[in-house]
Amino acid sequence: MQTEIKHRWFYHCGPELIWDFLTKPELLSQWLMSNDIKPVIGHQFMFKTKALPAMEFDGNVYCEILEVIPNWKLSYTWKGGPGDGSINLDSIVTWTLEAKDGGTELNLVHSGFGVKTNAKIFDAMNGGWKKNMAETLVDLITKRLTHEATDR
């Protein structure tokens, strides 16, 4: 089993818009989960979603911002567990953005999965990242760009 998820996507917009969808709580919640993120090193925040008891996940993801370089890099911890006070997933999410070919290449590395302890959640999260980034976020960006174009 792999211990990290790696994906790359291309979006037909500038890094600033992608950055907003990664760092503004109201935009991030549209494609990922409700949250209270602030792109400030050391800021502790949470993602909240429905519990998945079969995966020993209570629906709360505990995070702390590790690195912020606006419009280029964002990194934070991603910790979760069954809700009894224990953490069975202790990982790191790193986003990097690169302006390229009239758009933005977005790279995700989600690392720190345990081979034995995180096999189920790894598969679920790998599929979730793919769907959220390739479908949901694309739709939101397209709507935002269309709205901005009609406002001009």
C-alpha atoms as a PDB file:
ATOM      1  CA  MET A   1       0.000   0.000   0.000  1.00  0.00           C
ATOM      2  CA  GLN A   2       1.093   3.548  -0.709  1.00  0.00           C
ATOM      3  CA  THR A   3       1.659   5.929   2.170  1.00  0.00           C
ATOM      4  CA  GLU A   4       0.917   9.146   0.302  1.00  0.00           C
ATOM      5  CA  ILE A   5      -1.646  10.437  -2.136  1.00  0.00           C
ATOM      6  CA  LYS A   6      -0.321  12.477  -5.049  1.00  0.00           C
ATOM      7  CA  HIS A   7      -2.434  14.207  -7.656  1.00  0.00           C
ATOM      8  CA  ARG A   8      -2.035  16.979 -10.213  1.00  0.00           C
ATOM      9  CA  TRP A   9      -4.804  19.011 -11.846  1.00  0.00           C
ATOM     10  CA  PHE A  10      -4.898  21.851 -14.328  1.00  0.00           C
ATOM     11  CA  TYR A  11      -7.417  24.691 -14.092  1.00  0.00           C
ATOM     12  CA  HIS A  12      -8.026  27.402 -16.696  1.00  0.00           C
ATOM     13  CA  CYS A  13      -7.647  30.317 -14.279  1.00  0.00           C
ATOM     14  CA  GLY A  14      -4.938  32.117 -12.364  1.00  0.00           C
ATOM     15  CA  PRO A  15      -3.407  30.870  -9.092  1.00  0.00           C
ATOM     16  CA  GLU A  16      -5.215  33.589  -7.129  1.00  0.00           C
ATOM     17  CA  LEU A  17      -8.626  32.014  -7.716  1.00  0.00           C
ATOM     18  CA  ILE A  18      -7.401  28.531  -6.801  1.00  0.00           C
ATOM     19  CA  TRP A  19      -5.753  30.001  -3.703  1.00  0.00           C
ATOM     20  CA  ASP A  20      -9.070  31.509  -2.662  1.00  0.00           C
ATOM     21  CA  PHE A  21     -10.761  28.091  -2.966  1.00  0.00           C
ATOM     22  CA  LEU A  22      -8.017  26.604  -0.749  1.00  0.00           C
ATOM     23  CA  THR A  23      -7.922  29.314   1.930  1.00  0.00           C
ATOM     24  CA  LYS A  24     -11.296  31.037   2.255  1.00  0.00           C
ATOM     25  CA  PRO A  25     -13.591  29.047   4.560  1.00  0.00           C
ATOM     26  CA  GLU A  26     -16.776  29.826   2.634  1.00  0.00           C
ATOM     27  CA  LEU A  27     -15.222  28.697  -0.677  1.00  0.00           C
ATOM     28  CA  LEU A  28     -13.352  25.696   0.747  1.00  0.00           C
ATOM     29  CA  SER A  29     -16.548  24.427   2.347  1.00  0.00           C
ATOM     30  CA  GLN A  30     -18.250  24.377  -1.070  1.00  0.00           C
ATOM     31  CA  TRP A  31     -16.006  21.583  -2.339  1.00  0.00           C
ATOM     32  CA  LEU A  32     -14.493  19.939   0.755  1.00  0.00           C
ATOM     33  CA  MET A  33     -15.960  20.348   4.256  1.00  0.00           C
ATOM     34  CA  SER A  34     -17.125  23.052   6.632  1.00  0.00           C
ATOM     35  CA  ASN A  35     -14.085  24.619   8.264  1.00  0.00           C
ATOM     36  CA  ASP A  36     -12.577  27.592  10.027  1.00  0.00           C
ATOM     37  CA  ILE A  37      -9.288  27.857   8.118  1.00  0.00           C
ATOM     38  CA  LYS A  38      -7.091  30.963   8.182  1.00  0.00           C
ATOM     39  CA  PRO A  39      -3.902  30.893   6.098  1.00  0.00           C
ATOM     40  CA  VAL A  40      -1.668  31.875   9.018  1.00  0.00           C
ATOM     41  CA  ILE A  41       1.193  29.676  10.224  1.00  0.00           C
ATOM     42  CA  GLY A  42       0.246  28.037  13.519  1.00  0.00           C
ATOM     43  CA  HIS A  43      -3.506  28.563  13.088  1.00  0.00           C
ATOM     44  CA  GLN A  44      -5.412  25.520  14.342  1.00  0.00           C
ATOM     45  CA  PHE A  45      -8.664  24.740  12.560  1.00  0.00           C
ATOM     46  CA  MET A  46     -11.115  21.940  11.944  1.00  0.00           C
ATOM     47  CA  PHE A  47     -12.891  20.337   9.055  1.00  0.00           C
ATOM     48  CA  LYS A  48     -16.253  18.812   9.963  1.00  0.00           C
ATOM     49  CA  THR A  49     -18.282  16.226   8.067  1.00  0.00           C
ATOM     50  CA  LYS A  50     -20.414  13.169   8.728  1.00  0.00           C
ATOM     51  CA  ALA A  51     -18.928  10.395  10.832  1.00  0.00           C
ATOM     52  CA  LEU A  52     -17.791   7.155   9.188  1.00  0.00           C
ATOM     53  CA  PRO A  53     -17.664   4.631  12.046  1.00  0.00           C
ATOM     54  CA  ALA A  54     -16.634   1.770   9.713  1.00  0.00           C
ATOM     55  CA  MET A  55     -13.445   3.741   9.013  1.00  0.00           C
ATOM     56  CA  GLU A  56     -12.959   4.751  12.649  1.00  0.00           C
ATOM     57  CA  PHE A  57     -13.614   8.409  11.792  1.00  0.00           C
ATOM     58  CA  ASP A  58     -15.876  10.644  13.892  1.00  0.00           C
ATOM     59  CA  GLY A  59     -16.219  13.371  11.236  1.00  0.00           C
ATOM     60  CA  ASN A  60     -13.716  15.827  12.758  1.00  0.00           C
ATOM     61  CA  VAL A  61     -10.373  16.608  11.136  1.00  0.00           C
ATOM     62  CA  TYR A  62      -7.948  18.532  13.326  1.00  0.00           C
ATOM     63  CA  CYS A  63      -5.513  20.722  11.406  1.00  0.00           C
ATOM     64  CA  GLU A  64      -2.732  23.218  11.951  1.00  0.00           C
ATOM     65  CA  ILE A  65      -1.224  25.466   9.284  1.00  0.00           C
ATOM     66  CA  LEU A  66       2.447  24.598   8.749  1.00  0.00           C
ATOM     67  CA  GLU A  67       3.435  26.689   5.721  1.00  0.00           C
ATOM     68  CA  VAL A  68       1.882  29.548   3.760  1.00  0.00           C
ATOM     69  CA  ILE A  69       3.290  31.177   0.644  1.00  0.00           C
ATOM     70  CA  PRO A  70       0.318  33.031  -0.875  1.00  0.00           C
ATOM     71  CA  ASN A  71      -0.771  31.820  -4.310  1.00  0.00           C
ATOM     72  CA  TRP A  72       1.990  29.202  -4.309  1.00  0.00           C
ATOM     73  CA  LYS A  73       2.085  26.802  -1.312  1.00  0.00           C
ATOM     74  CA  LEU A  74      -0.144  25.775   1.588  1.00  0.00           C
ATOM     75  CA  SER A  75       0.585  22.963   4.018  1.00  0.00           C
ATOM     76  CA  TYR A  76      -1.285  21.755   7.093  1.00  0.00           C
ATOM     77  CA  THR A  77      -1.637  18.782   9.386  1.00  0.00           C
ATOM     78  CA  TRP A  78      -4.654  16.479   8.953  1.00  0.00           C
ATOM     79  CA  LYS A  79      -5.510  14.386  12.006  1.00  0.00           C
ATOM     80  CA  GLY A  80      -8.551  12.309  12.789  1.00  0.00           C
ATOM     81  CA  GLY A  81      -9.838   9.349  14.731  1.00  0.00           C
ATOM     82  CA  PRO A  82     -12.789   7.408  16.038  1.00  0.00           C
ATOM     83  CA  GLY A  83     -13.967  10.022  18.532  1.00  0.00           C
ATOM     84  CA  ASP A  84     -12.657   8.471  21.723  1.00  0.00           C
ATOM     85  CA  GLY A  85      -9.819  10.974  21.997  1.00  0.00           C
ATOM     86  CA  SER A  86      -7.396   8.857  20.002  1.00  0.00           C
ATOM     87  CA  ILE A  87      -5.896   9.797  16.632  1.00  0.00           C
ATOM     88  CA  ASN A  88      -5.444   7.022  14.078  1.00  0.00           C
ATOM     89  CA  LEU A  89      -4.602   9.267  11.122  1.00  0.00           C
ATOM     90  CA  ASP A  90      -1.778  11.771  11.541  1.00  0.00           C
ATOM     91  CA  SER A  91      -0.933  13.160   8.118  1.00  0.00           C
ATOM     92  CA  ILE A  92       0.057  16.292   6.207  1.00  0.00           C
ATOM     93  CA  VAL A  93      -1.659  17.937   3.233  1.00  0.00           C
ATOM     94  CA  THR A  94       0.508  20.067   0.946  1.00  0.00           C
ATOM     95  CA  TRP A  95      -0.821  22.107  -1.965  1.00  0.00           C
ATOM     96  CA  THR A  96       1.437  23.793  -4.523  1.00  0.00           C
ATOM     97  CA  LEU A  97       0.228  26.042  -7.322  1.00  0.00           C
ATOM     98  CA  GLU A  98       2.108  26.951 -10.498  1.00  0.00           C
ATOM     99  CA  ALA A  99       0.991  29.398 -13.175  1.00  0.00           C
ATOM    100  CA  LYS A 100       1.356  27.509 -16.420  1.00  0.00           C
ATOM    101  CA  ASP A 101       0.041  27.575 -20.005  1.00  0.00           C
ATOM    102  CA  GLY A 102      -2.594  30.236 -19.337  1.00  0.00           C
ATOM    103  CA  GLY A 103      -3.879  28.542 -16.206  1.00  0.00           C
ATOM    104  CA  THR A 104      -2.761  26.932 -12.967  1.00  0.00           C
ATOM    105  CA  GLU A 105      -1.324  23.529 -12.203  1.00  0.00           C
ATOM    106  CA  LEU A 106      -2.363  22.417  -8.717  1.00  0.00           C
ATOM    107  CA  ASN A 107      -0.430  19.654  -6.992  1.00  0.00           C
ATOM    108  CA  LEU A 108      -1.571  17.762  -3.914  1.00  0.00           C
ATOM    109  CA  VAL A 109       0.574  15.580  -1.692  1.00  0.00           C
ATOM    110  CA  HIS A 110      -1.255  14.038   1.258  1.00  0.00           C
ATOM    111  CA  SER A 111       1.390  12.094   3.198  1.00  0.00           C
ATOM    112  CA  GLY A 112       1.740  10.118   6.402  1.00  0.00           C
ATOM    113  CA  PHE A 113      -0.704   7.247   5.959  1.00  0.00           C
ATOM    114  CA  GLY A 114       0.150   4.127   7.955  1.00  0.00           C
ATOM    115  CA  VAL A 115       0.371   0.987   5.845  1.00  0.00           C
ATOM    116  CA  LYS A 116      -1.639  -1.122   8.294  1.00  0.00           C
ATOM    117  CA  THR A 117      -3.645   1.455  10.216  1.00  0.00           C
ATOM    118  CA  ASN A 118      -4.909   3.643   7.367  1.00  0.00           C
ATOM    119  CA  ALA A 119      -5.606   1.346   4.384  1.00  0.00           C
ATOM    120  CA  LYS A 120      -9.387   1.933   4.287  1.00  0.00           C
ATOM    121  CA  ILE A 121      -9.221   5.671   4.825  1.00  0.00           C
ATOM    122  CA  PHE A 122      -6.392   5.977   2.263  1.00  0.00           C
ATOM    123  CA  ASP A 123      -8.558   4.451  -0.461  1.00  0.00           C
ATOM    124  CA  ALA A 124     -11.570   6.569   0.492  1.00  0.00           C
ATOM    125  CA  MET A 125      -9.560   9.790   0.637  1.00  0.00           C
ATOM    126  CA  ASN A 126      -7.724   9.089  -2.610  1.00  0.00           C
ATOM    127  CA  GLY A 127     -11.062   8.716  -4.395  1.00  0.00           C
ATOM    128  CA  GLY A 128     -12.503  11.718  -2.579  1.00  0.00           C
ATOM    129  CA  TRP A 129      -9.643  14.017  -3.561  1.00  0.00           C
ATOM    130  CA  LYS A 130      -9.990  12.914  -7.196  1.00  0.00           C
ATOM    131  CA  LYS A 131     -13.738  13.546  -7.289  1.00  0.00           C
ATOM    132  CA  ASN A 132     -13.690  16.827  -5.378  1.00  0.00           C
ATOM    133  CA  MET A 133     -10.838  18.308  -7.387  1.00  0.00           C
ATOM    134  CA  ALA A 134     -11.723  17.015 -10.855  1.00  0.00           C
ATOM    135  CA  GLU A 135     -15.478  17.549 -10.671  1.00  0.00           C
ATOM    136  CA  THR A 136     -16.740  19.735  -7.844  1.00  0.00           C
ATOM    137  CA  LEU A 137     -13.946  22.315  -7.863  1.00  0.00           C
ATOM    138  CA  VAL A 138     -13.955  22.518 -11.681  1.00  0.00           C
ATOM    139  CA  ASP A 139     -17.681  23.291 -11.601  1.00  0.00           C
ATOM    140  CA  LEU A 140     -17.247  25.949  -8.909  1.00  0.00           C
ATOM    141  CA  ILE A 141     -14.373  27.629 -10.759  1.00  0.00           C
ATOM    142  CA  THR A 142     -16.311  27.591 -14.026  1.00  0.00           C
ATOM    143  CA  LYS A 143     -19.325  29.176 -12.337  1.00  0.00           C
ATOM    144  CA  ARG A 144     -17.126  31.816 -10.694  1.00  0.00           C
ATOM    145  CA  LEU A 145     -15.402  32.692 -13.981  1.00  0.00           C
ATOM    146  CA  THR A 146     -18.732  32.826 -15.843  1.00  0.00           C
ATOM    147  CA  HIS A 147     -20.215  35.062 -13.137  1.00  0.00           C
ATOM    148  CA  GLU A 148     -17.183  37.393 -13.241  1.00  0.00           C
ATOM    149  CA  ALA A 149     -17.391  37.608 -17.054  1.00  0.00           C
ATOM    150  CA  THR A 150     -21.086  38.546 -16.999  1.00  0.00           C
ATOM    151  CA  ASP A 151     -20.465  41.218 -14.340  1.00  0.00           C
ATOM    152  CA  ARG A 152     -18.071  43.099 -16.630  1.00  0.00           C
END
